[in-house]
Structures are given as structure tokens and as C-alpha cells.
């Protein structure tokens, strides 16, 4: 059992993904700045994730909801985490 809060950000990736490193750096920075937990899952370890996301990795989920894929916009990620509601689509 753990006292840690559940992860608010999930990064779905795979080893050797050239887009995953930059996305991971943004997620690490935002999570650190906002004090939220994040987790990274590999599509190679989960057939369901592979079936759902193999053409979109890296994929970023916020509170379990698809937020971005291929890249992540740092400002948009911060807004999603700072809002109290679920963000369905980016606001222009």
C-alpha cells in the first residue's frame, strides 16, 4: 500500500521511440513544477495499450483522458492540470 497520490499524467511510450524523450522531458518538468505524480507505461508490456496507441506514441493522458500524442504542448498540459474539470479539447 502506498500513500502517494495517483498519477495525474500517464506517458505511453516504447523503448527506442525518438519522440518520447522530448515529451518525457516536458512531462517531468511540468509534474515537478506542479507537484503532480506521473507514470510511464510501455506498449511493449501491455497488449491493450499497444492495440490502442501503437500508431500514436508517445501518448499523454491527463487523469486517464487522452490529452496529446506525438508531441505535448507544455502550456496546454499545465492548463489541463491546473483546471478542476476535464479538458475535452484545446481552447484557442
N, C-alpha and C. Protein backbone atom coordinates (compact mmCIF):
# COMPACT_ATOMS: atom_id res chain seq x y z
N UNK A 1 0.85 -1.17 0.00
CA UNK A 1 0.00 0.00 0.00
C UNK A 1 0.89 1.23 0.00
N UNK A 2 0.44 2.30 -0.68
CA UNK A 2 1.24 3.50 -0.78
C UNK A 2 0.41 4.72 -0.40
N UNK A 3 1.09 5.74 0.14
CA UNK A 3 0.43 6.99 0.49
C UNK A 3 0.53 8.01 -0.64
N UNK A 4 1.20 7.65 -1.71
CA UNK A 4 1.37 8.57 -2.84
C UNK A 4 0.04 8.78 -3.56
N UNK A 5 -0.12 9.99 -4.03
CA UNK A 5 -1.31 10.31 -4.83
C UNK A 5 -1.23 9.56 -6.15
N UNK A 6 -2.38 9.24 -6.73
CA UNK A 6 -2.35 8.57 -8.04
C UNK A 6 -1.74 9.49 -9.09
N UNK A 7 -1.17 8.88 -10.10
CA UNK A 7 -0.56 9.65 -11.18
C UNK A 7 -1.63 10.41 -11.93
N UNK A 8 -1.38 11.69 -12.16
CA UNK A 8 -2.30 12.51 -12.95
C UNK A 8 -1.91 12.48 -14.41
N UNK A 9 -0.62 12.24 -14.69
CA UNK A 9 -0.13 12.20 -16.06
C UNK A 9 0.36 10.78 -16.35
N UNK A 10 -0.03 10.26 -17.49
CA UNK A 10 0.48 8.97 -17.95
C UNK A 10 1.11 9.20 -19.31
N UNK A 11 2.35 8.74 -19.44
CA UNK A 11 3.04 8.76 -20.72
C UNK A 11 3.06 7.34 -21.25
N UNK A 12 2.51 7.13 -22.42
CA UNK A 12 2.53 5.82 -23.05
C UNK A 12 3.59 5.89 -24.15
N UNK A 13 4.59 5.00 -24.04
CA UNK A 13 5.75 5.07 -24.91
C UNK A 13 6.22 3.68 -25.28
N UNK A 14 7.39 3.63 -25.91
CA UNK A 14 8.05 2.34 -26.13
C UNK A 14 9.55 2.62 -26.23
N UNK A 15 10.36 1.63 -25.89
CA UNK A 15 11.80 1.81 -25.99
C UNK A 15 12.22 2.15 -27.43
N UNK A 16 13.17 3.06 -27.56
CA UNK A 16 13.69 3.43 -28.86
C UNK A 16 12.86 4.47 -29.60
N UNK A 17 11.81 4.96 -28.99
CA UNK A 17 10.94 5.97 -29.61
C UNK A 17 11.66 7.31 -29.60
N UNK A 18 11.92 7.86 -30.80
CA UNK A 18 12.67 9.12 -30.88
C UNK A 18 11.85 10.33 -30.45
N UNK A 19 10.55 10.25 -30.44
CA UNK A 19 9.71 11.35 -29.98
C UNK A 19 9.47 11.32 -28.47
N UNK A 20 9.70 10.17 -27.85
CA UNK A 20 9.37 10.01 -26.44
C UNK A 20 10.26 10.82 -25.50
N UNK A 21 11.53 10.94 -25.81
CA UNK A 21 12.46 11.68 -24.95
C UNK A 21 12.04 13.12 -24.72
N UNK A 22 11.79 13.90 -25.78
CA UNK A 22 11.37 15.28 -25.58
C UNK A 22 10.04 15.40 -24.83
N UNK A 23 9.10 14.51 -25.09
CA UNK A 23 7.82 14.53 -24.38
C UNK A 23 8.05 14.21 -22.91
N UNK A 24 8.89 13.23 -22.63
CA UNK A 24 9.21 12.85 -21.24
C UNK A 24 9.80 14.05 -20.49
N UNK A 25 10.69 14.80 -21.14
CA UNK A 25 11.31 15.97 -20.50
C UNK A 25 10.26 17.02 -20.13
N UNK A 26 9.32 17.28 -21.02
CA UNK A 26 8.25 18.24 -20.73
C UNK A 26 7.41 17.74 -19.56
N UNK A 27 7.03 16.47 -19.60
CA UNK A 27 6.21 15.91 -18.53
C UNK A 27 6.93 15.97 -17.19
N UNK A 28 8.20 15.60 -17.17
CA UNK A 28 8.98 15.66 -15.93
C UNK A 28 9.00 17.07 -15.36
N UNK A 29 9.24 18.05 -16.21
CA UNK A 29 9.32 19.45 -15.78
C UNK A 29 7.97 19.94 -15.24
N UNK A 30 6.90 19.70 -15.98
CA UNK A 30 5.58 20.15 -15.56
C UNK A 30 5.15 19.44 -14.27
N UNK A 31 5.36 18.15 -14.19
CA UNK A 31 4.98 17.39 -12.99
C UNK A 31 5.75 17.90 -11.77
N UNK A 32 7.03 18.15 -11.94
CA UNK A 32 7.86 18.67 -10.84
C UNK A 32 7.35 20.06 -10.41
N UNK A 33 7.14 20.93 -11.39
CA UNK A 33 6.70 22.30 -11.07
C UNK A 33 5.35 22.33 -10.38
N UNK A 34 4.44 21.47 -10.78
CA UNK A 34 3.08 21.47 -10.23
C UNK A 34 2.88 20.48 -9.08
N UNK A 35 3.91 19.67 -8.81
CA UNK A 35 3.82 18.72 -7.72
C UNK A 35 2.83 17.59 -7.96
N UNK A 36 2.74 17.14 -9.21
CA UNK A 36 1.84 16.03 -9.52
C UNK A 36 2.65 14.78 -9.87
N UNK A 37 2.03 13.64 -9.67
CA UNK A 37 2.66 12.37 -9.99
C UNK A 37 2.46 12.04 -11.46
N UNK A 38 3.42 11.31 -12.01
CA UNK A 38 3.27 10.83 -13.38
C UNK A 38 3.85 9.43 -13.47
N UNK A 39 3.43 8.70 -14.49
CA UNK A 39 3.89 7.33 -14.69
C UNK A 39 4.10 7.13 -16.19
N UNK A 40 5.06 6.26 -16.51
CA UNK A 40 5.32 5.91 -17.91
C UNK A 40 5.02 4.43 -18.11
N UNK A 41 4.24 4.13 -19.14
CA UNK A 41 3.90 2.76 -19.48
C UNK A 41 4.38 2.45 -20.89
N UNK A 42 4.88 1.25 -21.10
CA UNK A 42 5.35 0.83 -22.41
C UNK A 42 4.30 0.00 -23.13
N UNK A 43 4.09 0.30 -24.41
CA UNK A 43 3.15 -0.51 -25.19
C UNK A 43 3.66 -1.93 -25.38
N UNK A 44 4.97 -2.13 -25.19
CA UNK A 44 5.53 -3.48 -25.34
C UNK A 44 5.14 -4.40 -24.18
N UNK A 45 4.72 -3.82 -23.07
CA UNK A 45 4.35 -4.60 -21.89
C UNK A 45 2.85 -4.76 -21.71
N UNK A 46 2.06 -4.15 -22.60
CA UNK A 46 0.61 -4.20 -22.43
C UNK A 46 -0.06 -4.28 -23.80
N UNK A 47 -0.55 -5.47 -24.17
CA UNK A 47 -1.18 -5.63 -25.49
C UNK A 47 -2.35 -4.68 -25.74
N UNK A 48 -3.11 -4.33 -24.71
CA UNK A 48 -4.24 -3.41 -24.89
C UNK A 48 -3.74 -2.01 -25.24
N UNK A 49 -2.69 -1.56 -24.56
CA UNK A 49 -2.11 -0.26 -24.88
C UNK A 49 -1.54 -0.26 -26.30
N UNK A 50 -0.88 -1.35 -26.66
CA UNK A 50 -0.31 -1.46 -27.99
C UNK A 50 -1.39 -1.38 -29.06
N UNK A 51 -2.49 -2.09 -28.85
CA UNK A 51 -3.59 -2.07 -29.82
C UNK A 51 -4.21 -0.68 -29.93
N UNK A 52 -4.30 0.01 -28.82
CA UNK A 52 -4.96 1.32 -28.82
C UNK A 52 -4.08 2.44 -29.33
N UNK A 53 -2.76 2.35 -29.06
CA UNK A 53 -1.91 3.53 -29.26
C UNK A 53 -0.67 3.32 -30.13
N UNK A 54 -0.44 2.16 -30.66
CA UNK A 54 0.84 1.89 -31.34
C UNK A 54 1.19 2.87 -32.45
N UNK A 55 0.20 3.46 -33.10
CA UNK A 55 0.46 4.43 -34.18
C UNK A 55 0.53 5.87 -33.69
N UNK A 56 0.32 6.09 -32.38
CA UNK A 56 0.26 7.45 -31.87
C UNK A 56 1.35 7.78 -30.85
N UNK A 57 2.16 6.85 -30.44
CA UNK A 57 3.09 7.11 -29.36
C UNK A 57 4.12 8.17 -29.74
N UNK A 58 4.55 8.93 -28.77
CA UNK A 58 4.10 8.91 -27.38
C UNK A 58 2.72 9.54 -27.22
N UNK A 59 1.98 8.98 -26.28
CA UNK A 59 0.65 9.48 -25.95
C UNK A 59 0.68 9.98 -24.52
N UNK A 60 0.08 11.13 -24.30
CA UNK A 60 -0.03 11.70 -22.96
C UNK A 60 -1.48 11.66 -22.53
N UNK A 61 -1.72 11.10 -21.37
CA UNK A 61 -3.05 11.09 -20.76
C UNK A 61 -3.01 11.99 -19.53
N UNK A 62 -4.07 12.73 -19.30
CA UNK A 62 -4.22 13.52 -18.08
C UNK A 62 -5.46 13.01 -17.37
N UNK A 63 -5.26 12.53 -16.17
CA UNK A 63 -6.35 11.94 -15.39
C UNK A 63 -7.07 10.86 -16.18
N UNK A 64 -6.29 10.08 -16.95
CA UNK A 64 -6.82 8.95 -17.70
C UNK A 64 -7.46 9.29 -19.03
N UNK A 65 -7.45 10.58 -19.40
CA UNK A 65 -8.08 11.02 -20.65
C UNK A 65 -6.99 11.39 -21.65
N UNK A 66 -7.16 10.94 -22.90
CA UNK A 66 -6.19 11.25 -23.96
C UNK A 66 -6.04 12.76 -24.06
N UNK A 67 -4.81 13.22 -23.92
CA UNK A 67 -4.52 14.66 -23.93
C UNK A 67 -3.77 15.06 -25.20
N UNK A 68 -2.71 14.36 -25.55
CA UNK A 68 -1.89 14.65 -26.73
C UNK A 68 -1.25 13.37 -27.23
N UNK A 69 -0.81 13.41 -28.49
CA UNK A 69 0.03 12.32 -28.99
C UNK A 69 1.08 12.91 -29.91
N UNK A 70 2.15 12.19 -30.08
CA UNK A 70 3.35 12.54 -30.84
C UNK A 70 4.17 13.64 -30.16
N UNK A 71 3.52 14.68 -29.72
CA UNK A 71 4.18 15.77 -29.02
C UNK A 71 3.28 16.21 -27.87
N UNK A 72 3.83 17.05 -26.99
CA UNK A 72 2.99 17.61 -25.94
C UNK A 72 3.30 19.10 -25.84
N UNK A 73 2.25 19.90 -25.81
CA UNK A 73 2.39 21.34 -25.65
C UNK A 73 2.44 21.64 -24.15
N UNK A 74 3.56 22.20 -23.70
CA UNK A 74 3.76 22.41 -22.27
C UNK A 74 2.70 23.32 -21.66
N UNK A 75 2.37 24.41 -22.30
CA UNK A 75 1.36 25.34 -21.77
C UNK A 75 -0.01 24.67 -21.66
N UNK A 76 -0.37 23.92 -22.67
CA UNK A 76 -1.67 23.23 -22.66
C UNK A 76 -1.72 22.16 -21.57
N UNK A 77 -0.60 21.45 -21.38
CA UNK A 77 -0.53 20.45 -20.32
C UNK A 77 -0.67 21.10 -18.96
N UNK A 78 0.00 22.21 -18.75
CA UNK A 78 -0.12 22.93 -17.47
C UNK A 78 -1.56 23.36 -17.22
N UNK A 79 -2.21 23.92 -18.25
CA UNK A 79 -3.61 24.35 -18.10
C UNK A 79 -4.51 23.17 -17.75
N UNK A 80 -4.31 22.05 -18.39
CA UNK A 80 -5.14 20.88 -18.12
C UNK A 80 -4.99 20.41 -16.68
N UNK A 81 -3.77 20.47 -16.17
CA UNK A 81 -3.52 20.01 -14.80
C UNK A 81 -3.99 21.02 -13.76
N UNK A 82 -3.98 22.28 -14.12
CA UNK A 82 -4.39 23.32 -13.19
C UNK A 82 -5.90 23.49 -13.14
N UNK A 83 -6.60 23.02 -14.19
CA UNK A 83 -8.06 23.16 -14.21
C UNK A 83 -8.69 22.11 -13.30
N UNK A 84 -9.87 22.39 -12.84
CA UNK A 84 -10.56 21.43 -11.97
C UNK A 84 -11.42 20.47 -12.76
N UNK A 85 -11.77 20.84 -14.00
CA UNK A 85 -12.61 19.99 -14.82
C UNK A 85 -11.76 19.22 -15.82
N UNK A 86 -12.42 18.35 -16.57
CA UNK A 86 -11.76 17.58 -17.62
C UNK A 86 -11.70 18.43 -18.88
N UNK A 87 -10.57 18.40 -19.53
CA UNK A 87 -10.39 19.18 -20.73
C UNK A 87 -10.67 18.31 -21.93
N UNK A 88 -11.76 18.61 -22.64
CA UNK A 88 -12.13 17.79 -23.78
C UNK A 88 -11.34 18.14 -25.03
N UNK A 89 -11.08 19.42 -25.24
CA UNK A 89 -10.37 19.86 -26.44
C UNK A 89 -9.61 21.13 -26.10
N UNK A 90 -8.55 21.39 -26.83
CA UNK A 90 -7.79 22.61 -26.55
C UNK A 90 -8.64 23.85 -26.83
N UNK A 91 -8.49 24.85 -25.99
CA UNK A 91 -9.18 26.12 -26.20
C UNK A 91 -8.25 27.04 -26.96
N UNK A 92 -8.77 27.66 -27.99
CA UNK A 92 -7.95 28.56 -28.81
C UNK A 92 -8.09 29.98 -28.31
